[in-house]
Amino acid sequence: MTAAQLRERALTHIARYNCTVEGLRRVLVRGITRNRMALSRNTFGQTSEPQKMLVSEADIEPLLKEFIGKGYLDDQKFAERFIEVKTSSGMSVRTAQQKLSLKGVDRTLVDDVVEELDPDDLEAAKITARKKKIGPFRLADRDTHRQKDMAVLARRGFSYETCRLVVDGDADDQDSGTD
């Protein structure tokens, strides 16, 4: 893989996927590794390209810095959009923070974004309850399924208090007007 091919792969990935800096780094390292393995398998010790044309992991960092400078990659915007979308679809803030950490976004940046956006965990839990038809949205036997409903919300990262408020509430109170 040449430097031009590495750049093309990075631009194609950015155009196709909304990604973090760390996510793009992982994709490019994986591409370089696969390319090296393919070359070693296909050439049987004979290199078809000069060694100086092959890129290494060290060539990724300048490319990432260039893309950050041009605004192609921005972990702050990525985290803001991710948290907005995920909490509005029923994911807890805690789970969204964990997923962002797995994607390589700095923990302090994630905490700042959460503090700035201040997403409502209670609303996200209500959305989850409506989707899963649990708690006040269960048609029959609410009392016998209370613990199971609480467990469903707890496994999705909601606090005990949030779970209790949602499961013990009325469906009329839970309606947030997002129909």
Foldseek 3Di string as FASTA:
>chain_A
DFLVVLLVVLVVCLVVDQAALLLSLVVSQVVLVVVVVVQCVPVVPDGPDDPVRRDHSVSSVVSSVVCVVVVSHDLLVVLLVQQVVLLQQQAALVVSLVVSVVRPRDNVSNVVSCVVVVRDRLLSPLNVCCVVCAAQSPPDDLPVCLVVQLVVSVVRPDDSVSSCPRNPDHPVVSDPPPD
